Protein backbone atom coordinates (compact mmCIF):
# COMPACT_ATOMS: atom_id res chain seq x y z
CA MET A 1 -17.07 22.84 -4.56
CA GLY A 2 -15.62 26.68 -3.54
CA ALA A 3 -15.32 27.70 -0.61
CA SER A 4 -18.70 26.54 1.26
CA PRO A 5 -18.40 22.48 0.86
CA ASP A 6 -21.56 21.20 -0.47
CA TYR A 7 -23.03 19.28 2.20
CA GLN A 8 -26.32 18.12 0.53
CA ARG A 9 -24.29 16.93 -2.21
CA LEU A 10 -21.80 15.05 0.06
CA ALA A 11 -24.56 13.30 2.10
CA SER A 12 -26.05 12.61 -0.81
CA GLU A 13 -23.19 11.18 -2.88
CA VAL A 14 -20.83 9.82 -0.02
CA LEU A 15 -23.72 8.72 2.60
CA GLY A 16 -26.25 8.05 0.58
CA ILE A 17 -28.92 9.90 2.26
CA ARG A 18 -30.97 12.25 0.05
CA GLY A 19 -33.23 15.15 0.18
CA ALA A 20 -31.72 16.01 3.74
CA PRO A 21 -31.88 19.47 4.87
CA PRO A 22 -28.92 21.51 4.31
CA GLU A 23 -28.16 21.93 8.76
CA LEU A 24 -28.68 18.07 8.95
CA ALA A 25 -26.66 17.10 6.34
CA ARG A 26 -23.87 19.35 7.35
CA ARG A 27 -24.11 17.68 11.14
CA LEU A 28 -24.83 14.49 9.21
CA VAL A 29 -21.28 14.86 6.72
CA SER A 30 -19.59 16.09 9.86
CA GLN A 31 -19.80 13.12 12.23
CA ALA A 32 -19.20 11.11 9.15
CA LEU A 33 -16.08 12.73 9.24
CA VAL A 34 -15.52 12.82 13.15
CA VAL A 35 -15.91 8.75 12.98
CA GLU A 36 -13.58 8.34 10.29
CA ASP A 37 -10.63 10.04 12.16
CA ARG A 38 -11.76 7.92 15.40
CA ARG A 39 -11.13 5.23 13.04
CA ASP A 40 -7.48 6.04 11.58
CA ALA A 41 -6.44 6.78 14.52
CA TRP A 42 -8.07 3.08 16.29
CA ARG A 43 -6.12 1.62 12.75
CA ARG A 44 -2.99 3.14 14.00
CA THR A 45 -3.23 1.85 17.92
CA GLY A 46 -3.77 -1.55 15.80
CA GLU A 47 -0.70 -1.76 13.98
CA GLU A 48 1.00 -0.41 17.08
CA ILE A 49 -0.36 -3.16 19.21
CA CYS A 50 0.10 -6.23 17.66
CA ARG A 51 3.70 -4.64 16.05
CA SER A 52 5.26 -5.52 19.78
CA ALA A 53 2.83 -8.32 20.71
CA PRO A 54 4.31 -11.63 20.35
CA THR A 55 3.79 -14.33 18.45
CA THR A 56 3.21 -16.57 22.01
CA SER A 57 0.11 -18.03 23.25
CA GLY A 58 -0.95 -16.34 26.43
CA VAL A 59 -3.65 -13.67 28.19
CA TYR A 60 -4.02 -10.34 27.35
CA VAL A 61 -6.24 -7.23 28.06
CA LEU A 62 -6.60 -4.13 26.27
CA LYS A 63 -7.09 -0.82 27.67
CA ASP A 64 -8.20 2.31 26.67
CA ALA A 65 -6.64 6.09 26.94
CA ASP A 66 -7.48 6.02 30.30
CA ASP A 67 -5.43 3.14 31.42
CA ARG A 68 -9.48 1.50 31.84
CA PRO A 69 -9.32 -2.54 31.16
CA ILE A 70 -12.24 -3.43 28.13
CA TYR A 71 -11.49 -6.30 27.09
CA VAL A 72 -9.74 -9.40 28.88
CA GLY A 73 -8.59 -12.50 26.30
CA LYS A 74 -7.05 -15.83 25.82
CA ALA A 75 -5.20 -16.42 22.53
CA VAL A 76 -3.09 -19.58 21.10
CA ASN A 77 -0.90 -16.46 19.03
CA LEU A 78 -1.77 -13.04 20.68
CA ARG A 79 0.11 -11.64 17.63
CA ARG A 80 -2.40 -12.94 15.83
CA ARG A 81 -5.67 -12.52 17.97
CA LEU A 82 -4.98 -9.01 18.24
CA ARG A 83 -4.65 -8.26 14.50
CA ALA A 84 -8.19 -9.60 14.41
CA HIS A 85 -9.52 -7.60 17.07
CA PHE A 86 -8.40 -4.20 14.44
CA SER A 87 -9.21 -5.77 11.10
CA GLY A 88 -10.48 -3.02 8.77
CA ARG A 89 -13.37 -5.14 8.44
CA ARG A 90 -14.22 -4.93 12.16
CA TRP A 91 -14.84 -1.89 12.19
CA ARG A 92 -17.49 -1.40 10.97
CA ALA A 93 -19.12 -4.05 13.43
CA ILE A 94 -17.65 -2.90 16.55
CA GLY A 95 -18.66 -1.22 19.60
CA ALA A 96 -18.49 1.62 21.11
CA GLY A 97 -16.47 -0.19 24.52
CA MET A 98 -13.67 -1.72 22.14
CA ALA A 99 -13.48 1.71 19.33
CA ARG A 100 -12.11 2.86 22.60
CA ALA A 101 -8.95 1.22 22.98
CA ALA A 102 -6.02 2.76 23.28
CA SER A 103 -2.87 -0.01 24.25
CA ALA A 104 -3.16 -3.85 25.20
CA GLU A 105 -0.81 -5.41 28.15
CA TRP A 106 -0.63 -9.36 28.13
CA ARG A 107 0.76 -12.06 29.45
CA GLU A 108 2.68 -15.59 27.77
CA VAL A 109 1.68 -18.60 29.10
CA GLY A 110 2.51 -22.28 27.85
CA SER A 111 -1.02 -23.76 27.87
CA GLU A 112 -4.14 -23.65 27.08
CA LEU A 113 -5.24 -24.78 30.77
CA GLU A 114 -3.41 -21.58 32.15
CA ALA A 115 -4.63 -19.32 29.81
CA LEU A 116 -7.78 -20.31 30.65
CA LEU A 117 -7.88 -19.82 33.72
CA ARG A 118 -5.99 -16.97 33.74
CA GLU A 119 -8.67 -15.12 31.56
CA ALA A 120 -11.45 -16.02 33.58
CA ALA A 121 -9.68 -15.54 37.01
CA LEU A 122 -8.80 -11.67 34.89
CA ILE A 123 -12.44 -10.91 34.17
CA ARG A 124 -13.51 -12.02 37.73
CA GLU A 125 -11.07 -9.01 38.71
CA LEU A 126 -11.46 -6.31 36.74
CA GLY A 127 -15.44 -6.76 36.45
CA ILE A 128 -16.16 -5.75 39.83
CA ASP A 129 -14.73 -2.37 39.27
CA THR A 130 -14.76 -1.39 35.60
CA GLN A 131 -16.99 -2.15 32.99
CA LEU A 132 -15.20 -5.11 30.81
CA VAL A 133 -17.19 -4.90 27.21
CA ASN A 134 -16.95 -9.18 27.66
CA VAL A 135 -17.91 -9.55 31.24
CA HIS A 136 -20.62 -11.37 30.34
CA ARG A 137 -18.41 -14.02 29.29
CA GLU A 138 -18.36 -15.52 33.00
CA VAL A 139 -20.68 -18.59 33.03
CA ASP A 140 -21.89 -20.44 35.93
CA LEU A 141 -19.28 -23.03 35.89
CA ALA A 142 -20.80 -24.87 38.68
CA THR A 143 -23.47 -26.42 36.41
CA ARG A 144 -20.50 -27.77 33.71
CA ALA A 145 -21.20 -30.82 33.21
CA VAL A 146 -17.98 -32.92 34.00
CA PRO A 147 -17.97 -36.60 34.83
CA ALA A 148 -17.70 -36.96 38.14
CA SER A 149 -14.88 -39.05 38.37
CA LEU A 150 -12.81 -36.20 36.97
CA VAL A 151 -13.84 -34.11 39.68
CA ARG A 152 -11.34 -35.19 42.14
CA ASP A 153 -8.09 -33.35 43.84
CA VAL A 154 -5.41 -33.87 40.78
CA ILE A 155 -2.32 -32.11 40.00
CA VAL A 156 -2.12 -31.47 36.37
CA VAL A 157 1.15 -31.53 34.49
CA LEU A 158 1.30 -29.09 32.17
CA PRO A 159 4.26 -26.99 29.63
CA SER A 160 5.62 -23.73 30.62
CA ILE A 161 6.56 -20.69 28.75
CA GLU A 162 10.19 -21.24 30.10
CA MET A 163 11.68 -23.72 27.77
CA ASP A 164 13.23 -25.35 31.06
CA SER A 165 10.03 -25.65 33.37
CA ALA A 166 6.93 -26.85 33.45
CA GLU A 167 3.26 -25.57 35.43
CA LEU A 168 1.84 -27.67 38.32
CA ILE A 169 -2.10 -26.54 37.92
CA ALA A 170 -3.13 -28.33 41.48
CA ALA A 171 -7.37 -28.24 41.91
CA ARG A 172 -9.09 -28.97 44.79
CA ALA A 173 -12.81 -31.26 43.93
CA ALA A 174 -13.89 -28.86 46.62
CA GLY A 175 -13.23 -25.40 45.12
CA GLY A 176 -9.74 -23.58 44.75
CA TRP A 177 -6.35 -24.09 42.21
CA THR A 178 -3.15 -22.69 41.56
CA ILE A 179 0.21 -22.60 39.87
CA GLN A 180 3.42 -23.76 40.55
CA ARG A 181 6.14 -23.39 38.32
CA THR A 182 9.04 -25.82 38.59
CA ARG A 183 12.24 -26.41 37.20
CA ARG A 184 12.14 -29.70 34.70
CA SER A 185 15.44 -30.25 36.73
CA GLY A 186 15.12 -30.41 40.05
CA ALA A 187 16.11 -28.25 41.59
CA ASP A 188 13.40 -26.03 43.49
CA LEU A 189 10.73 -29.72 43.64
CA ALA A 190 10.90 -30.19 47.43
CA VAL A 191 9.78 -26.74 47.83
CA HIS A 192 6.64 -26.94 45.46
CA ALA A 193 5.84 -30.49 46.63
CA ARG A 194 5.77 -29.09 50.10
CA ARG A 195 3.33 -25.95 48.77
CA LEU A 196 1.05 -28.56 47.12
CA MET A 197 1.12 -31.19 49.99
CA ARG A 198 0.09 -27.47 52.17
CA PHE A 199 -2.66 -26.92 49.49
CA PHE A 200 -4.26 -29.94 49.50
CA ASN A 201 -4.29 -30.80 53.05
CA SER A 202 -3.69 -27.16 55.31
CA ARG A 203 -6.82 -26.07 56.72
CA MET A 204 -5.20 -22.97 56.53
CA ARG A 205 -4.01 -22.81 52.67
CA ARG A 206 -2.51 -19.44 53.02
CA GLY A 207 -2.07 -17.63 50.55
CA LEU A 208 -3.55 -20.03 47.98
CA SER A 209 -6.30 -18.86 45.72
CA SER A 210 -9.55 -20.07 46.34
CA ASP A 211 -11.34 -18.62 43.56
CA PRO A 212 -14.41 -20.90 42.31
CA LEU A 213 -12.83 -21.46 38.95
CA THR A 214 -11.87 -25.23 39.57
CA PRO A 215 -14.63 -26.63 37.35
CA ILE A 216 -12.23 -24.85 34.21
CA VAL A 217 -9.71 -27.59 35.41
CA PHE A 218 -12.20 -30.54 35.48
CA SER A 219 -14.21 -29.38 32.21
CA TRP A 220 -10.74 -29.27 30.28
CA LEU A 221 -9.37 -32.88 31.57
CA ALA A 222 -12.66 -34.09 30.51
CA GLY A 223 -12.37 -32.95 27.01
CA ARG A 224 -9.12 -30.97 25.02
CA GLY A 225 -7.05 -31.66 28.11
CA ALA A 226 -8.00 -35.71 27.97
CA ASP A 227 -4.34 -36.90 27.03
CA ALA A 228 -2.98 -34.15 29.71
CA THR A 229 0.02 -35.59 32.56
CA ARG A 230 -2.03 -35.67 36.01
CA LEU A 231 -0.83 -36.80 39.44
CA ASP A 232 -3.47 -37.90 42.60
CA PRO A 233 -2.22 -36.32 45.43
CA HIS A 234 -3.60 -38.62 47.81
CA ASP A 235 -1.71 -41.03 45.85
CA VAL A 236 1.36 -40.46 48.41
CA ARG A 237 2.44 -40.18 51.52
CA ASP A 238 3.88 -37.08 51.93
CA PRO A 239 6.05 -34.24 50.08
CA ARG A 240 9.45 -36.62 49.78
CA GLU A 241 6.99 -39.34 47.87
CA LEU A 242 4.89 -36.83 45.82
CA SER A 243 8.93 -34.45 44.88
CA ARG A 244 9.90 -38.32 43.56
CA ARG A 245 7.66 -38.97 41.35
CA LEU A 246 7.33 -35.77 39.68
CA ALA A 247 10.40 -35.47 39.26
CA ALA A 248 10.44 -39.03 37.73
CA LEU A 249 7.94 -37.69 35.29
CA LEU A 250 9.56 -34.03 34.79
CA ARG A 251 12.60 -36.29 33.28
CA ASP A 252 10.78 -37.64 30.82
CA GLU A 253 11.45 -36.87 27.32
CA ARG A 254 8.06 -38.25 26.63
CA LEU A 255 6.42 -35.44 28.94
CA PHE A 256 4.35 -33.29 26.56
CA ARG A 257 3.56 -35.45 23.97
CA GLU A 258 1.47 -38.23 25.85
CA ARG A 259 0.35 -38.69 28.56
CA LEU A 260 2.14 -40.33 31.19
CA GLN A 261 0.99 -42.64 33.93
CA GLN A 262 2.34 -42.94 37.11
CA CYS A 263 2.03 -46.44 39.05
């Protein structure tokens, strides 16, 4: 094409824009080249992120070049989910916010409920001071349809990312939730039993979450978590009895394969 590119021809053959004036054709081709270069950089970023991402369940945050959060998500398989974000077919439909993705952070979790809670908490926390692409995903949780019989103080026993542990997710009917990771051997169960009893019974409730995301727990129990093992904290007299009941559950090999009932 010689020293000076034929921008009108390029605009016609590459962009499908015919009859554009020379100056307009030049600007259109230049913009297209910038976009294409940005696409390549975006794909390379995605390849680097996915290379180091684990294949476990978790919650992730995509960030821009200035380390500002732009997207929060959850996944059963972090690597597979992140690859979907950066697949070639996503580029044409991607928004300006997601196109700025330059890095990612993640936290591995052991259960779907933990992922739901941590994702919602992160969206609330990061959406306050940043413009998250998905900040609109937060809904009015108080409007979730949950059977009244499920809206009660509860301790749910769930798998942990650590194979020798379990996650105790506690939720109050009046609002508030907390997570305690405890060893299945029972080595630290007495401490966690005391903390859980304070969570449900102490008026001070120091250091425990009062985040109004509790309906996530109840709606999960009403649906996909219907078979999860749970305890009523008011069926025990004191932390010692709670510790004893939890120890019995944690020792049972059927835990996490079926719902265990407590007498």
